[in-house]
Amino acid sequence: QVQLVESGGGLVQPGGSLKLSCTASGFTLDNRIIGWFRQAQEDVYEGVAYISFSDGTTHYADSVKGRFTIARDNAKNTVYLRMNNLQREDATVYYCATLDVEAIRPTLDPRQYDFWGQGTQVTVSS
């Protein structure tokens, strides 16, 4: 089966941290871009960060720069999102998605990404 599975979401207090995982099954992430997105409202997704699985280059949205870190583990076919200093405005469903690196220059436009996971819930509350 071909799928992306996110995990690691949960409840944290403001200022806390979470580490999300995105594991690909049934295919390799080699030669792909993997992005993290979060749901801003119904059918509206905000790009958070992406990483090139082949060379490790990264890009972050201004809203998370300096707080979030995206990383890859080639052996595990997995991408991580370390989220520090979480605030209530960060609380939503987070998704990972993939883009063929050969297709187009990557951005954080969710419309570029054609294969998505089911999402994992991040809750920030005191």
Protein backbone atom coordinates (compact mmCIF):
# COMPACT_ATOMS: atom_id res chain seq x y z
CA GLN A 1 0.00 0.00 0.00
CA VAL A 2 1.19 3.48 -0.84
CA GLN A 3 0.62 5.95 1.96
CA LEU A 4 2.01 8.70 4.16
CA VAL A 5 1.34 8.39 7.87
CA GLU A 6 1.80 11.27 10.30
CA SER A 7 2.26 10.73 14.01
CA GLY A 8 3.47 12.56 17.09
CA GLY A 9 0.68 15.05 17.58
CA GLY A 10 -0.78 15.66 20.98
CA LEU A 11 -1.39 18.14 23.75
CA VAL A 12 1.25 20.60 24.95
CA GLN A 13 1.22 23.76 27.01
CA PRO A 14 2.17 27.07 25.41
CA GLY A 15 5.93 27.15 25.06
CA GLY A 16 6.15 23.38 24.84
CA SER A 17 7.51 21.18 22.09
CA LEU A 18 6.39 18.31 19.91
CA LYS A 19 8.11 16.19 17.28
CA LEU A 20 5.97 15.05 14.38
CA SER A 21 6.87 12.14 12.12
CA CYS A 22 5.88 11.41 8.55
CA THR A 23 6.65 7.92 7.32
CA ALA A 24 6.20 6.80 3.73
CA SER A 25 5.05 3.24 3.07
CA GLY A 26 5.02 1.49 -0.27
CA PHE A 27 7.34 3.98 -1.95
CA THR A 28 10.60 5.77 -1.32
CA LEU A 29 11.01 9.45 -0.57
CA ASP A 30 14.18 9.57 -2.64
CA ASN A 31 14.13 12.37 -5.21
CA ARG A 32 11.11 13.96 -3.61
CA ILE A 33 10.32 17.10 -1.67
CA ILE A 34 8.41 16.56 1.56
CA GLY A 35 6.40 19.42 2.98
CA TRP A 36 4.59 19.99 6.24
CA PHE A 37 1.33 21.91 6.10
CA ARG A 38 -1.29 22.90 8.62
CA GLN A 39 -4.96 23.53 8.23
CA ALA A 40 -5.85 27.20 8.60
CA GLN A 41 -9.53 26.73 7.83
CA GLU A 42 -11.69 24.37 5.80
CA ASP A 43 -9.90 23.61 2.53
CA VAL A 44 -7.16 26.15 3.28
CA TYR A 45 -3.70 24.87 4.11
CA GLU A 46 -0.68 26.86 5.23
CA GLY A 47 2.76 25.71 4.21
CA VAL A 48 5.06 25.24 7.20
CA ALA A 49 8.32 23.82 5.87
CA TYR A 50 9.74 21.55 3.24
CA ILE A 51 12.86 19.47 2.81
CA SER A 52 14.58 17.89 -0.16
CA PHE A 53 14.94 14.24 0.74
CA SER A 54 17.94 13.84 -1.54
CA ASP A 55 20.16 16.76 -0.53
CA GLY A 56 18.56 18.00 2.68
CA THR A 57 17.88 21.57 1.64
CA THR A 58 15.09 23.19 3.65
CA HIS A 59 12.73 26.13 3.61
CA TYR A 60 10.47 27.52 6.33
CA ALA A 61 7.49 29.79 6.52
CA ASP A 62 8.19 33.06 8.29
CA SER A 63 5.63 32.18 10.95
CA VAL A 64 7.68 29.21 12.17
CA LYS A 65 11.23 30.21 11.29
CA GLY A 66 13.51 29.79 14.27
CA ARG A 67 11.01 27.63 16.14
CA PHE A 68 10.43 24.63 13.87
CA THR A 69 13.02 22.32 12.34
CA ILE A 70 12.42 19.85 9.52
CA ALA A 71 14.73 16.87 9.14
CA ARG A 72 14.92 13.56 7.31
CA ASP A 73 16.00 10.01 8.04
CA ASN A 74 16.75 8.28 4.76
CA ALA A 75 17.07 4.83 6.34
CA LYS A 76 13.62 5.09 7.91
CA ASN A 77 12.01 6.78 4.89
CA THR A 78 10.76 9.36 7.36
CA VAL A 79 10.61 13.13 7.73
CA TYR A 80 10.32 14.89 11.07
CA LEU A 81 9.07 18.28 12.19
CA ARG A 82 10.43 19.44 15.53
CA MET A 83 8.20 22.20 16.87
CA ASN A 84 9.49 24.36 19.72
CA ASN A 85 7.88 27.21 21.63
CA LEU A 86 4.42 26.20 20.50
CA GLN A 87 1.67 28.77 20.82
CA ARG A 88 -2.10 28.53 20.63
CA GLU A 89 -2.06 29.83 17.08
CA ASP A 90 0.00 26.77 16.10
CA ALA A 91 -2.77 24.40 17.18
CA THR A 92 -4.43 22.65 14.26
CA VAL A 93 -4.09 19.53 12.14
CA TYR A 94 -0.67 19.04 10.57
CA TYR A 95 -0.17 17.17 7.32
CA CYS A 96 2.82 15.95 5.37
CA ALA A 97 2.77 15.77 1.61
CA THR A 98 5.18 14.96 -1.20
CA LEU A 99 6.26 16.58 -4.42
CA ASP A 100 8.32 15.05 -7.21
CA VAL A 101 11.56 17.02 -7.20
CA GLU A 102 11.81 16.64 -10.96
CA ALA A 103 8.44 18.23 -11.61
CA ILE A 104 8.82 21.85 -10.55
CA ARG A 105 10.86 24.14 -8.33
CA PRO A 106 9.43 23.55 -4.86
CA THR A 107 7.59 26.13 -2.82
CA LEU A 108 5.24 26.01 0.16
CA ASP A 109 2.22 26.27 -2.10
CA PRO A 110 0.10 23.26 -1.11
CA ARG A 111 -1.23 23.01 -4.65
CA GLN A 112 2.19 21.73 -5.74
CA TYR A 113 1.91 18.64 -3.53
CA ASP A 114 -0.02 15.73 -4.95
CA PHE A 115 0.12 13.05 -2.26
CA TRP A 116 -0.96 13.74 1.30
CA GLY A 117 -1.23 11.97 4.61
CA GLN A 118 -4.26 11.93 6.89
CA GLY A 119 -2.90 14.46 9.37
CA THR A 120 -2.09 14.55 13.06
CA GLN A 121 -3.70 16.85 15.62
CA VAL A 122 -1.64 19.36 17.57
CA THR A 123 -3.34 20.95 20.56
CA VAL A 124 -1.79 23.80 22.55
CA SER A 125 -3.55 24.56 25.81
CA SER A 126 -2.78 25.42 29.40
